[in-house]
Amino acid sequence: MKNALVYAYIGDSIYEFYIRKYLIDSNICKIHDLQQASLNYVSAKSQRRICETLINEKFFTDEELDLIRWGRNQHGSKAKSTDIVTYRIATGLECLIGYLYYDNKLDRLKSIMERICKL
């Protein structure tokens, strides 16, 4: 098993890829519009909202919740444009995404990302 922040690091890029693909597939064609729309998903504030919504919906398994907590509780980079709690919750979500990718649980990763895109 890798370090939680390593999973979050790769999870961040995987998450952003899924969001970008979803927005492009939604026929948003202008770069400015794509970037504006992506803020609804990729900012730490948005990721916190998304993560808390899915937790409240009981969408995640117990193992996934443990991975989110594991990522959330790591100490690494400091929050740049948000409060530390928001930053850590977003890191927890990214950790889960990265872990699912490396553990080859791609169907579950896809399921989570499809649900996120519907929020």
PDB file of N, CA and C in Angstrom:
ATOM      1  N   MET A   1       0.850  -1.183   0.000  1.00  0.00           N
ATOM      2  CA  MET A   1       0.000   0.000   0.000  1.00  0.00           C
ATOM      3  C   MET A   1       0.894   1.245   0.000  1.00  0.00           C
ATOM      4  N   LYS A   2       0.519   2.208  -0.764  1.00  0.00           N
ATOM      5  CA  LYS A   2       1.269   3.452  -0.880  1.00  0.00           C
ATOM      6  C   LYS A   2       0.840   4.439   0.209  1.00  0.00           C
ATOM      7  N   ASN A   3       1.543   5.514   0.307  1.00  0.00           N
ATOM      8  CA  ASN A   3       1.198   6.609   1.204  1.00  0.00           C
ATOM      9  C   ASN A   3      -0.117   7.242   0.740  1.00  0.00           C
ATOM     10  N   ALA A   4      -0.962   7.643   1.679  1.00  0.00           N
ATOM     11  CA  ALA A   4      -2.264   8.236   1.343  1.00  0.00           C
ATOM     12  C   ALA A   4      -2.111   9.470   0.459  1.00  0.00           C
ATOM     13  N   LEU A   5      -1.087  10.267   0.698  1.00  0.00           N
ATOM     14  CA  LEU A   5      -0.906  11.473  -0.113  1.00  0.00           C
ATOM     15  C   LEU A   5      -0.458  11.145  -1.535  1.00  0.00           C
ATOM     16  N   VAL A   6       0.201   9.998  -1.709  1.00  0.00           N
ATOM     17  CA  VAL A   6       0.547   9.545  -3.062  1.00  0.00           C
ATOM     18  C   VAL A   6      -0.726   9.157  -3.807  1.00  0.00           C
ATOM     19  N   TYR A   7      -1.617   8.454  -3.130  1.00  0.00           N
ATOM     20  CA  TYR A   7      -2.910   8.134  -3.750  1.00  0.00           C
ATOM     21  C   TYR A   7      -3.679   9.414  -4.077  1.00  0.00           C
ATOM     22  N   ALA A   8      -3.662  10.378  -3.175  1.00  0.00           N
ATOM     23  CA  ALA A   8      -4.358  11.645  -3.417  1.00  0.00           C
ATOM     24  C   ALA A   8      -3.747  12.380  -4.612  1.00  0.00           C
ATOM     25  N   TYR A   9      -2.445  12.305  -4.737  1.00  0.00           N
ATOM     26  CA  TYR A   9      -1.742  12.977  -5.836  1.00  0.00           C
ATOM     27  C   TYR A   9      -2.224  12.450  -7.189  1.00  0.00           C
ATOM     28  N   ILE A  10      -2.239  11.128  -7.331  1.00  0.00           N
ATOM     29  CA  ILE A  10      -2.705  10.563  -8.607  1.00  0.00           C
ATOM     30  C   ILE A  10      -4.233  10.676  -8.708  1.00  0.00           C
ATOM     31  N   GLY A  11      -4.904  10.570  -7.571  1.00  0.00           N
ATOM     32  CA  GLY A  11      -6.360  10.686  -7.564  1.00  0.00           C
ATOM     33  C   GLY A  11      -6.833  12.035  -8.064  1.00  0.00           C
ATOM     34  N   ASP A  12      -6.080  13.073  -7.742  1.00  0.00           N
ATOM     35  CA  ASP A  12      -6.405  14.422  -8.201  1.00  0.00           C
ATOM     36  C   ASP A  12      -6.432  14.473  -9.730  1.00  0.00           C
ATOM     37  N   SER A  13      -5.432  13.887 -10.361  1.00  0.00           N
ATOM     38  CA  SER A  13      -5.384  13.948 -11.827  1.00  0.00           C
ATOM     39  C   SER A  13      -6.451  13.060 -12.463  1.00  0.00           C
ATOM     40  N   ILE A  14      -6.708  11.907 -11.874  1.00  0.00           N
ATOM     41  CA  ILE A  14      -7.749  11.009 -12.403  1.00  0.00           C
ATOM     42  C   ILE A  14      -9.114  11.684 -12.278  1.00  0.00           C
ATOM     43  N   TYR A  15      -9.370  12.259 -11.118  1.00  0.00           N
ATOM     44  CA  TYR A  15     -10.629  12.966 -10.860  1.00  0.00           C
ATOM     45  C   TYR A  15     -10.822  14.081 -11.893  1.00  0.00           C
ATOM     46  N   GLU A  16      -9.781  14.888 -12.067  1.00  0.00           N
ATOM     47  CA  GLU A  16      -9.888  16.003 -13.006  1.00  0.00           C
ATOM     48  C   GLU A  16     -10.079  15.518 -14.432  1.00  0.00           C
ATOM     49  N   PHE A  17      -9.427  14.423 -14.809  1.00  0.00           N
ATOM     50  CA  PHE A  17      -9.623  13.856 -16.143  1.00  0.00           C
ATOM     51  C   PHE A  17     -11.090  13.470 -16.366  1.00  0.00           C
ATOM     52  N   TYR A  18     -11.672  12.749 -15.404  1.00  0.00           N
ATOM     53  CA  TYR A  18     -13.074  12.337 -15.533  1.00  0.00           C
ATOM     54  C   TYR A  18     -13.983  13.556 -15.678  1.00  0.00           C
ATOM     55  N   ILE A  19     -13.740  14.577 -14.872  1.00  0.00           N
ATOM     56  CA  ILE A  19     -14.577  15.782 -14.926  1.00  0.00           C
ATOM     57  C   ILE A  19     -14.410  16.480 -16.270  1.00  0.00           C
ATOM     58  N   ARG A  20     -13.191  16.642 -16.725  1.00  0.00           N
ATOM     59  CA  ARG A  20     -12.964  17.293 -18.018  1.00  0.00           C
ATOM     60  C   ARG A  20     -13.642  16.521 -19.149  1.00  0.00           C
ATOM     61  N   LYS A  21     -13.502  15.201 -19.134  1.00  0.00           N
ATOM     62  CA  LYS A  21     -14.138  14.387 -20.176  1.00  0.00           C
ATOM     63  C   LYS A  21     -15.655  14.533 -20.120  1.00  0.00           C
ATOM     64  N   TYR A  22     -16.212  14.496 -18.914  1.00  0.00           N
ATOM     65  CA  TYR A  22     -17.665  14.658 -18.747  1.00  0.00           C
ATOM     66  C   TYR A  22     -18.127  16.004 -19.313  1.00  0.00           C
ATOM     67  N   LEU A  23     -17.423  17.067 -19.016  1.00  0.00           N
ATOM     68  CA  LEU A  23     -17.825  18.395 -19.486  1.00  0.00           C
ATOM     69  C   LEU A  23     -17.697  18.513 -21.000  1.00  0.00           C
ATOM     70  N   ILE A  24     -16.620  17.967 -21.552  1.00  0.00           N
ATOM     71  CA  ILE A  24     -16.460  18.000 -23.008  1.00  0.00           C
ATOM     72  C   ILE A  24     -17.551  17.167 -23.675  1.00  0.00           C
ATOM     73  N   ASP A  25     -17.845  15.998 -23.100  1.00  0.00           N
ATOM     74  CA  ASP A  25     -18.914  15.150 -23.647  1.00  0.00           C
ATOM     75  C   ASP A  25     -20.285  15.804 -23.508  1.00  0.00           C
ATOM     76  N   SER A  26     -20.389  16.798 -22.625  1.00  0.00           N
ATOM     77  CA  SER A  26     -21.642  17.548 -22.457  1.00  0.00           C
ATOM     78  C   SER A  26     -21.762  18.674 -23.482  1.00  0.00           C
ATOM     79  N   ASN A  27     -20.848  18.678 -24.448  1.00  0.00           N
ATOM     80  CA  ASN A  27     -20.847  19.642 -25.560  1.00  0.00           C
ATOM     81  C   ASN A  27     -20.542  21.072 -25.150  1.00  0.00           C
ATOM     82  N   ILE A  28     -19.773  21.228 -24.106  1.00  0.00           N
ATOM     83  CA  ILE A  28     -19.245  22.564 -23.784  1.00  0.00           C
ATOM     84  C   ILE A  28     -17.987  22.709 -24.627  1.00  0.00           C
ATOM     85  N   CYS A  29     -17.968  23.713 -25.490  1.00  0.00           N
ATOM     86  CA  CYS A  29     -16.903  23.795 -26.494  1.00  0.00           C
ATOM     87  C   CYS A  29     -15.885  24.907 -26.268  1.00  0.00           C
ATOM     88  N   LYS A  30     -16.203  25.876 -25.458  1.00  0.00           N
ATOM     89  CA  LYS A  30     -15.271  26.983 -25.236  1.00  0.00           C
ATOM     90  C   LYS A  30     -14.449  26.714 -23.976  1.00  0.00           C
ATOM     91  N   ILE A  31     -13.163  26.952 -24.072  1.00  0.00           N
ATOM     92  CA  ILE A  31     -12.254  26.689 -22.961  1.00  0.00           C
ATOM     93  C   ILE A  31     -12.675  27.452 -21.709  1.00  0.00           C
ATOM     94  N   HIS A  32     -13.028  28.708 -21.868  1.00  0.00           N
ATOM     95  CA  HIS A  32     -13.455  29.495 -20.701  1.00  0.00           C
ATOM     96  C   HIS A  32     -14.671  28.856 -20.034  1.00  0.00           C
ATOM     97  N   ASP A  33     -15.618  28.421 -20.833  1.00  0.00           N
ATOM     98  CA  ASP A  33     -16.824  27.779 -20.290  1.00  0.00           C
ATOM     99  C   ASP A  33     -16.487  26.449 -19.617  1.00  0.00           C
ATOM    100  N   LEU A  34     -15.552  25.704 -20.207  1.00  0.00           N
ATOM    101  CA  LEU A  34     -15.120  24.442 -19.595  1.00  0.00           C
ATOM    102  C   LEU A  34     -14.480  24.694 -18.233  1.00  0.00           C
ATOM    103  N   GLN A  35     -13.625  25.702 -18.171  1.00  0.00           N
ATOM    104  CA  GLN A  35     -12.947  25.992 -16.906  1.00  0.00           C
ATOM    105  C   GLN A  35     -13.934  26.478 -15.848  1.00  0.00           C
ATOM    106  N   GLN A  36     -14.871  27.292 -16.245  1.00  0.00           N
ATOM    107  CA  GLN A  36     -15.884  27.766 -15.292  1.00  0.00           C
ATOM    108  C   GLN A  36     -16.734  26.607 -14.777  1.00  0.00           C
ATOM    109  N   ALA A  37     -17.167  25.748 -15.687  1.00  0.00           N
ATOM    110  CA  ALA A  37     -17.999  24.607 -15.296  1.00  0.00           C
ATOM    111  C   ALA A  37     -17.218  23.639 -14.411  1.00  0.00           C
ATOM    112  N   SER A  38     -15.937  23.482 -14.675  1.00  0.00           N
ATOM    113  CA  SER A  38     -15.137  22.537 -13.890  1.00  0.00           C
ATOM    114  C   SER A  38     -15.020  22.963 -12.429  1.00  0.00           C
ATOM    115  N   LEU A  39     -15.138  24.247 -12.157  1.00  0.00           N
ATOM    116  CA  LEU A  39     -15.048  24.729 -10.763  1.00  0.00           C
ATOM    117  C   LEU A  39     -16.164  24.156  -9.890  1.00  0.00           C
ATOM    118  N   ASN A  40     -17.256  23.730 -10.514  1.00  0.00           N
ATOM    119  CA  ASN A  40     -18.334  23.094  -9.760  1.00  0.00           C
ATOM    120  C   ASN A  40     -17.945  21.709  -9.254  1.00  0.00           C
ATOM    121  N   TYR A  41     -16.805  21.205  -9.718  1.00  0.00           N
ATOM    122  CA  TYR A  41     -16.374  19.853  -9.372  1.00  0.00           C
ATOM    123  C   TYR A  41     -14.963  19.775  -8.789  1.00  0.00           C
ATOM    124  N   VAL A  42     -14.034  20.572  -9.298  1.00  0.00           N
ATOM    125  CA  VAL A  42     -12.623  20.336  -8.984  1.00  0.00           C
ATOM    126  C   VAL A  42     -12.028  21.225  -7.904  1.00  0.00           C
ATOM    127  N   SER A  43     -12.693  22.232  -7.467  1.00  0.00           N
ATOM    128  CA  SER A  43     -12.138  23.033  -6.369  1.00  0.00           C
ATOM    129  C   SER A  43     -12.271  22.251  -5.067  1.00  0.00           C
ATOM    130  N   ALA A  44     -11.438  22.566  -4.103  1.00  0.00           N
ATOM    131  CA  ALA A  44     -11.517  21.888  -2.802  1.00  0.00           C
ATOM    132  C   ALA A  44     -12.899  22.069  -2.184  1.00  0.00           C
ATOM    133  N   LYS A  45     -13.453  23.262  -2.321  1.00  0.00           N
ATOM    134  CA  LYS A  45     -14.785  23.538  -1.775  1.00  0.00           C
ATOM    135  C   LYS A  45     -15.839  22.634  -2.428  1.00  0.00           C
ATOM    136  N   SER A  46     -15.755  22.481  -3.744  1.00  0.00           N
ATOM    137  CA  SER A  46     -16.696  21.620  -4.462  1.00  0.00           C
ATOM    138  C   SER A  46     -16.494  20.156  -4.097  1.00  0.00           C
ATOM    139  N   GLN A  47     -15.237  19.746  -3.986  1.00  0.00           N
ATOM    140  CA  GLN A  47     -14.960  18.360  -3.624  1.00  0.00           C
ATOM    141  C   GLN A  47     -15.462  18.052  -2.212  1.00  0.00           C
ATOM    142  N   ARG A  48     -15.344  19.006  -1.308  1.00  0.00           N
ATOM    143  CA  ARG A  48     -15.877  18.796   0.037  1.00  0.00           C
ATOM    144  C   ARG A  48     -17.391  18.619  -0.017  1.00  0.00           C
ATOM    145  N   ARG A  49     -18.063  19.502  -0.758  1.00  0.00           N
ATOM    146  CA  ARG A  49     -19.522  19.413  -0.888  1.00  0.00           C
ATOM    147  C   ARG A  49     -19.927  18.064  -1.467  1.00  0.00           C
ATOM    148  N   ILE A  50     -19.235  17.652  -2.518  1.00  0.00           N
ATOM    149  CA  ILE A  50     -19.533  16.379  -3.179  1.00  0.00           C
ATOM    150  C   ILE A  50     -19.304  15.213  -2.224  1.00  0.00           C
ATOM    151  N   CYS A  51     -18.164  15.208  -1.564  1.00  0.00           N
ATOM    152  CA  CYS A  51     -17.828  14.119  -0.648  1.00  0.00           C
ATOM    153  C   CYS A  51     -18.849  14.024   0.480  1.00  0.00           C
ATOM    154  N   GLU A  52     -19.193  15.151   1.082  1.00  0.00           N
ATOM    155  CA  GLU A  52     -20.163  15.143   2.178  1.00  0.00           C
ATOM    156  C   GLU A  52     -21.547  14.721   1.700  1.00  0.00           C
ATOM    157  N   THR A  53     -21.930  15.114   0.493  1.00  0.00           N
ATOM    158  CA  THR A  53     -23.216  14.688  -0.066  1.00  0.00           C
ATOM    159  C   THR A  53     -23.260  13.178  -0.220  1.00  0.00           C
ATOM    160  N   LEU A  54     -22.196  12.600  -0.778  1.00  0.00           N
ATOM    161  CA  LEU A  54     -22.162  11.155  -0.988  1.00  0.00           C
ATOM    162  C   LEU A  54     -22.089  10.390   0.338  1.00  0.00           C
ATOM    163  N   ILE A  55     -21.408  10.958   1.312  1.00  0.00           N
ATOM    164  CA  ILE A  55     -21.381  10.338   2.647  1.00  0.00           C
ATOM    165  C   ILE A  55     -22.783  10.346   3.239  1.00  0.00           C
ATOM    166  N   ASN A  56     -23.464  11.474   3.154  1.00  0.00           N
ATOM    167  CA  ASN A  56     -24.825  11.581   3.696  1.00  0.00           C
ATOM    168  C   ASN A  56     -25.804  10.656   2.977  1.00  0.00           C
ATOM    169  N   GLU A  57     -25.562  10.404   1.707  1.00  0.00           N
ATOM    170  CA  GLU A  57     -26.400   9.476   0.932  1.00  0.00           C
ATOM    171  C   GLU A  57     -26.039   8.018   1.212  1.00  0.00           C
ATOM    172  N   LYS A  58     -24.993   7.803   2.006  1.00  0.00           N
ATOM    173  CA  LYS A  58     -24.491   6.447   2.293  1.00  0.00           C
ATOM    174  C   LYS A  58     -24.072   5.735   1.005  1.00  0.00           C
ATOM    175  N   PHE A  59     -23.465   6.505   0.109  1.00  0.00           N
ATOM    176  CA  PHE A  59     -23.031   5.998  -1.192  1.00  0.00           C
ATOM    177  C   PHE A  59     -21.760   5.155  -1.080  1.00  0.00           C
ATOM    178  N   PHE A  60     -20.876   5.524  -0.156  1.00  0.00           N
ATOM    179  CA  PHE A  60     -19.588   4.852  -0.012  1.00  0.00           C
ATOM    180  C   PHE A  60     -19.701   3.612   0.869  1.00  0.00           C
ATOM    181  N   THR A  61     -18.856   2.630   0.575  1.00  0.00           N
ATOM    182  CA  THR A  61     -18.755   1.452   1.431  1.00  0.00           C
ATOM    183  C   THR A  61     -17.971   1.825   2.688  1.00  0.00           C
ATOM    184  N   ASP A  62     -17.996   0.949   3.681  1.00  0.00           N
ATOM    185  CA  ASP A  62     -17.204   1.191   4.895  1.00  0.00           C
ATOM    186  C   ASP A  62     -15.721   1.280   4.568  1.00  0.00           C
ATOM    187  N   GLU A  63     -15.232   0.421   3.672  1.00  0.00           N
ATOM    188  CA  GLU A  63     -13.821   0.471   3.271  1.00  0.00           C
ATOM    189  C   GLU A  63     -13.493   1.808   2.606  1.00  0.00           C
ATOM    190  N   GLU A  64     -14.380   2.289   1.765  1.00  0.00           N
ATOM    191  CA  GLU A  64     -14.158   3.580   1.094  1.00  0.00           C
ATOM    192  C   GLU A  64     -14.157   4.722   2.096  1.00  0.00           C
ATOM    193  N   LEU A  65     -15.039   4.673   3.071  1.00  0.00           N
ATOM    194  CA  LEU A  65     -15.055   5.697   4.113  1.00  0.00           C
ATOM    195  C   LEU A  65     -13.748   5.687   4.901  1.00  0.00           C
ATOM    196  N   ASP A  66     -13.224   4.496   5.174  1.00  0.00           N
ATOM    197  CA  ASP A  66     -11.927   4.392   5.854  1.00  0.00           C
ATOM    198  C   ASP A  66     -10.817   5.021   5.025  1.00  0.00           C
ATOM    199  N   LEU A  67     -10.849   4.810   3.716  1.00  0.00           N
ATOM    200  CA  LEU A  67      -9.840   5.394   2.834  1.00  0.00           C
ATOM    201  C   LEU A  67      -9.954   6.915   2.786  1.00  0.00           C
ATOM    202  N   ILE A  68     -11.174   7.424   2.776  1.00  0.00           N
ATOM    203  CA  ILE A  68     -11.378   8.878   2.798  1.00  0.00           C
ATOM    204  C   ILE A  68     -10.819   9.454   4.097  1.00  0.00           C
ATOM    205  N   ARG A  69     -11.129   8.802   5.221  1.00  0.00           N
ATOM    206  CA  ARG A  69     -10.602   9.265   6.520  1.00  0.00           C
ATOM    207  C   ARG A  69      -9.079   9.187   6.557  1.00  0.00           C
ATOM    208  N   TRP A  70      -8.520   8.110   6.010  1.00  0.00           N
ATOM    209  CA  TRP A  70      -7.074   7.935   5.971  1.00  0.00           C
ATOM    210  C   TRP A  70      -6.421   9.092   5.209  1.00  0.00           C
ATOM    211  N   GLY A  71      -6.962   9.414   4.047  1.00  0.00           N
ATOM    212  CA  GLY A  71      -6.437  10.521   3.251  1.00  0.00           C
ATOM    213  C   GLY A  71      -6.653  11.866   3.915  1.00  0.00           C
ATOM    214  N   ARG A  72      -7.790  12.009   4.547  1.00  0.00           N
ATOM    215  CA  ARG A  72      -8.140  13.274   5.200  1.00  0.00           C
ATOM    216  C   ARG A  72      -7.204  13.579   6.375  1.00  0.00           C
ATOM    217  N   ASN A  73      -6.766  12.541   7.058  1.00  0.00           N
ATOM    218  CA  ASN A  73      -5.979  12.723   8.271  1.00  0.00           C
ATOM    219  C   ASN A  73      -4.479  12.842   8.038  1.00  0.00           C
ATOM    220  N   GLN A  74      -4.046  12.818   6.786  1.00  0.00           N
ATOM    221  CA  GLN A  74      -2.622  12.949   6.483  1.00  0.00           C
ATOM    222  C   GLN A  74      -2.198  14.407   6.551  1.00  0.00           C
ATOM    223  N   HIS A  75      -0.973  14.604   6.933  1.00  0.00           N
ATOM    224  CA  HIS A  75      -0.415  15.959   6.980  1.00  0.00           C
ATOM    225  C   HIS A  75       0.595  16.095   5.850  1.00  0.00           C
ATOM    226  N   GLY A  76       0.385  17.064   5.030  1.00  0.00           N
ATOM    227  CA  GLY A  76       1.272  17.281   3.886  1.00  0.00           C
ATOM    228  C   GLY A  76       1.217  18.741   3.497  1.00  0.00           C
ATOM    229  N   SER A  77       0.795  18.983   2.289  1.00  0.00           N
ATOM    230  CA  SER A  77       0.679  20.352   1.781  1.00  0.00           C
ATOM    231  C   SER A  77      -0.307  21.148   2.616  1.00  0.00           C
ATOM    232  N   LYS A  78      -0.138  22.425   2.586  1.00  0.00           N
ATOM    233  CA  LYS A  78      -1.077  23.303   3.279  1.00  0.00           C
ATOM    234  C   LYS A  78      -2.111  23.822   2.288  1.00  0.00           C
ATOM    235  N   ALA A  79      -3.282  24.097   2.808  1.00  0.00           N
ATOM    236  CA  ALA A  79      -4.354  24.646   1.981  1.00  0.00           C
ATOM    237  C   ALA A  79      -3.922  26.004   1.432  1.00  0.00           C
ATOM    238  N   LYS A  80      -4.137  26.204   0.147  1.00  0.00           N
ATOM    239  CA  LYS A  80      -3.717  27.456  -0.480  1.00  0.00           C
ATOM    240  C   LYS A  80      -4.837  28.486  -0.544  1.00  0.00           C
ATOM    241  N   SER A  81      -6.036  28.018  -0.875  1.00  0.00           N
ATOM    242  CA  SER A  81      -7.115  28.990  -1.078  1.00  0.00           C
ATOM    243  C   SER A  81      -8.389  28.599  -0.349  1.00  0.00           C
ATOM    244  N   THR A  82      -8.258  27.780   0.684  1.00  0.00           N
ATOM    245  CA  THR A  82      -9.435  27.356   1.429  1.00  0.00           C
ATOM    246  C   THR A  82      -9.017  27.003   2.853  1.00  0.00           C
ATOM    247  N   ASP A  83      -9.987  26.716   3.685  1.00  0.00           N
ATOM    248  CA  ASP A  83      -9.661  26.337   5.061  1.00  0.00           C
ATOM    249  C   ASP A  83      -9.122  24.906   5.099  1.00  0.00           C
ATOM    250  N   ILE A  84      -8.430  24.571   6.167  1.00  0.00           N
ATOM    251  CA  ILE A  84      -7.748  23.285   6.273  1.00  0.00           C
ATOM    252  C   ILE A  84      -8.723  22.104   6.287  1.00  0.00           C
ATOM    253  N   VAL A  85      -9.885  22.260   6.904  1.00  0.00           N
ATOM    254  CA  VAL A  85     -10.860  21.160   6.948  1.00  0.00           C
ATOM    255  C   VAL A  85     -11.354  20.837   5.543  1.00  0.00           C
ATOM    256  N   THR A  86     -11.699  21.861   4.792  1.00  0.00           N
ATOM    257  CA  THR A  86     -12.148  21.667   3.412  1.00  0.00           C
ATOM    258  C   THR A  86     -11.062  21.000   2.585  1.00  0.00           C
ATOM    259  N   TYR A  87      -9.842  21.477   2.726  1.00  0.00           N
ATOM    260  CA  TYR A  87      -8.710  20.927   1.981  1.00  0.00           C
ATOM    261  C   TYR A  87      -8.506  19.449   2.318  1.00  0.00           C
ATOM    262  N   ARG A  88      -8.608  19.110   3.575  1.00  0.00           N
ATOM    263  CA  ARG A  88      -8.376  17.718   3.988  1.00  0.00           C
ATOM    264  C   ARG A  88      -9.495  16.784   3.518  1.00  0.00           C
ATOM    265  N   ILE A  89     -10.725  17.244   3.538  1.00  0.00           N
ATOM    266  CA  ILE A  89     -11.821  16.409   3.037  1.00  0.00           C
ATOM    267  C   ILE A  89     -11.646  16.167   1.542  1.00  0.00           C
ATOM    268  N   ALA A  90     -11.268  17.212   0.809  1.00  0.00           N
ATOM    269  CA  ALA A  90     -11.004  17.061  -0.624  1.00  0.00           C
ATOM    270  C   ALA A  90      -9.854  16.076  -0.848  1.00  0.00           C
ATOM    271  N   THR A  91      -8.822  16.146  -0.032  1.00  0.00           N
ATOM    272  CA  THR A  91      -7.695  15.222  -0.132  1.00  0.00           C
ATOM    273  C   THR A  91      -8.162  13.797   0.131  1.00  0.00           C
ATOM    274  N   GLY A  92      -9.067  13.615   1.079  1.00  0.00           N
ATOM    275  CA  GLY A  92      -9.609  12.287   1.357  1.00  0.00           C
ATOM    276  C   GLY A  92     -10.324  11.699   0.158  1.00  0.00           C
ATOM    277  N   LEU A  93     -11.111  12.515  -0.525  1.00  0.00           N
ATOM    278  CA  LEU A  93     -11.809  12.050  -1.731  1.00  0.00           C
ATOM    279  C   LEU A  93     -10.803  11.682  -2.814  1.00  0.00           C
ATOM    280  N   GLU A  94      -9.795  12.511  -2.993  1.00  0.00           N
ATOM    281  CA  GLU A  94      -8.762  12.231  -4.000  1.00  0.00           C
ATOM    282  C   GLU A  94      -7.983  10.964  -3.647  1.00  0.00           C
ATOM    283  N   CYS A  95      -7.752  10.741  -2.361  1.00  0.00           N
ATOM    284  CA  CYS A  95      -7.070   9.524  -1.910  1.00  0.00           C
ATOM    285  C   CYS A  95      -7.879   8.295  -2.310  1.00  0.00           C
ATOM    286  N   LEU A  96      -9.177   8.335  -2.078  1.00  0.00           N
ATOM    287  CA  LEU A  96     -10.042   7.221  -2.464  1.00  0.00           C
ATOM    288  C   LEU A  96      -9.952   6.958  -3.960  1.00  0.00           C
ATOM    289  N   ILE A  97     -10.031   8.002  -4.759  1.00  0.00           N
ATOM    290  CA  ILE A  97      -9.981   7.857  -6.218  1.00  0.00           C
ATOM    291  C   ILE A  97      -8.659   7.216  -6.638  1.00  0.00           C
ATOM    292  N   GLY A  98      -7.559   7.710  -6.086  1.00  0.00           N
ATOM    293  CA  GLY A  98      -6.249   7.158  -6.412  1.00  0.00           C
ATOM    294  C   GLY A  98      -6.101   5.718  -5.975  1.00  0.00           C
ATOM    295  N   TYR A  99      -6.603   5.395  -4.801  1.00  0.00           N
ATOM    296  CA  TYR A  99      -6.532   4.022  -4.304  1.00  0.00           C
ATOM    297  C   TYR A  99      -7.310   3.074  -5.209  1.00  0.00           C
ATOM    298  N   LEU A 100      -8.515   3.459  -5.576  1.00  0.00           N
ATOM    299  CA  LEU A 100      -9.331   2.601  -6.444  1.00  0.00           C
ATOM    300  C   LEU A 100      -8.626   2.359  -7.778  1.00  0.00           C
ATOM    301  N   TYR A 101      -7.979   3.386  -8.281  1.00  0.00           N
ATOM    302  CA  TYR A 101      -7.233   3.250  -9.534  1.00  0.00           C
ATOM    303  C   TYR A 101      -6.102   2.233  -9.370  1.00  0.00           C
ATOM    304  N   TYR A 102      -5.289   2.406  -8.334  1.00  0.00           N
ATOM    305  CA  TYR A 102      -4.140   1.512  -8.143  1.00  0.00           C
ATOM    306  C   TYR A 102      -4.546   0.107  -7.716  1.00  0.00           C
ATOM    307  N   ASP A 103      -5.689  -0.029  -7.085  1.00  0.00           N
ATOM    308  CA  ASP A 103      -6.159  -1.355  -6.684  1.00  0.00           C
ATOM    309  C   ASP A 103      -6.957  -2.011  -7.816  1.00  0.00           C
ATOM    310  N   ASN A 104      -6.988  -1.355  -8.972  1.00  0.00           N
ATOM    311  CA  ASN A 104      -7.650  -1.861 -10.173  1.00  0.00           C
ATOM    312  C   ASN A 104      -9.150  -2.083  -9.971  1.00  0.00           C
ATOM    313  N   LYS A 105      -9.755  -1.262  -9.137  1.00  0.00           N
ATOM    314  CA  LYS A 105     -11.204  -1.311  -8.935  1.00  0.00           C
ATOM    315  C   LYS A 105     -11.840  -0.256  -9.833  1.00  0.00           C
ATOM    316  N   LEU A 106     -11.633  -0.444 -11.116  1.00  0.00           N
ATOM    317  CA  LEU A 106     -12.000   0.577 -12.092  1.00  0.00           C
ATOM    318  C   LEU A 106     -13.506   0.692 -12.285  1.00  0.00           C
ATOM    319  N   ASP A 107     -14.238  -0.404 -12.114  1.00  0.00           N
ATOM    320  CA  ASP A 107     -15.695  -0.319 -12.217  1.00  0.00           C
ATOM    321  C   ASP A 107     -16.253   0.555 -11.101  1.00  0.00           C
ATOM    322  N   ARG A 108     -15.733   0.376  -9.894  1.00  0.00           N
ATOM    323  CA  ARG A 108     -16.211   1.194  -8.766  1.00  0.00           C
ATOM    324  C   ARG A 108     -15.773   2.643  -8.941  1.00  0.00           C
ATOM    325  N   LEU A 109     -14.553   2.852  -9.407  1.00  0.00           N
ATOM    326  CA  LEU A 109     -14.075   4.205  -9.683  1.00  0.00           C
ATOM    327  C   LEU A 109     -14.994   4.890 -10.682  1.00  0.00           C
ATOM    328  N   LYS A 110     -15.322   4.189 -11.742  1.00  0.00           N
ATOM    329  CA  LYS A 110     -16.214   4.751 -12.766  1.00  0.00           C
ATOM    330  C   LYS A 110     -17.589   5.049 -12.170  1.00  0.00           C
ATOM    331  N   SER A 111     -18.094   4.158 -11.344  1.00  0.00           N
ATOM    332  CA  SER A 111     -19.398   4.353 -10.711  1.00  0.00           C
ATOM    333  C   SER A 111     -19.411   5.607  -9.831  1.00  0.00           C
ATOM    334  N   ILE A 112     -18.359   5.788  -9.063  1.00  0.00           N
ATOM    335  CA  ILE A 112     -18.264   6.974  -8.198  1.00  0.00           C
ATOM    336  C   ILE A 112     -18.195   8.234  -9.045  1.00  0.00           C
ATOM    337  N   MET A 113     -17.370   8.220 -10.075  1.00  0.00           N
ATOM    338  CA  MET A 113     -17.213   9.415 -10.901  1.00  0.00           C
ATOM    339  C   MET A 113     -18.507   9.717 -11.668  1.00  0.00           C
ATOM    340  N   GLU A 114     -19.217   8.703 -12.112  1.00  0.00           N
ATOM    341  CA  GLU A 114     -20.488   8.950 -12.782  1.00  0.00           C
ATOM    342  C   GLU A 114     -21.485   9.581 -11.823  1.00  0.00           C
ATOM    343  N   ARG A 115     -21.485   9.119 -10.589  1.00  0.00           N
ATOM    344  CA  ARG A 115     -22.388   9.706  -9.581  1.00  0.00           C
ATOM    345  C   ARG A 115     -22.002  11.148  -9.297  1.00  0.00           C
ATOM    346  N   ILE A 116     -20.708  11.407  -9.175  1.00  0.00           N
ATOM    347  CA  ILE A 116     -20.235  12.779  -8.928  1.00  0.00           C
ATOM    348  C   ILE A 116     -20.667  13.699 -10.060  1.00  0.00           C
ATOM    349  N   CYS A 117     -20.566  13.241 -11.273  1.00  0.00           N
ATOM    350  CA  CYS A 117     -20.933  14.088 -12.426  1.00  0.00           C
ATOM    351  C   CYS A 117     -22.413  14.429 -12.446  1.00  0.00           C
ATOM    352  N   LYS A 118     -23.232  13.643 -11.760  1.00  0.00           N
ATOM    353  CA  LYS A 118     -24.676  13.910 -11.716  1.00  0.00           C
ATOM    354  C   LYS A 118     -25.042  14.897 -10.614  1.00  0.00           C
ATOM    355  N   LEU A 119     -24.092  15.249  -9.771  1.00  0.00           N
ATOM    356  CA  LEU A 119     -24.405  16.193  -8.676  1.00  0.00           C
ATOM    357  C   LEU A 119     -24.376  17.629  -9.150  1.00  0.00           C
TER     358      LEU A 119
END
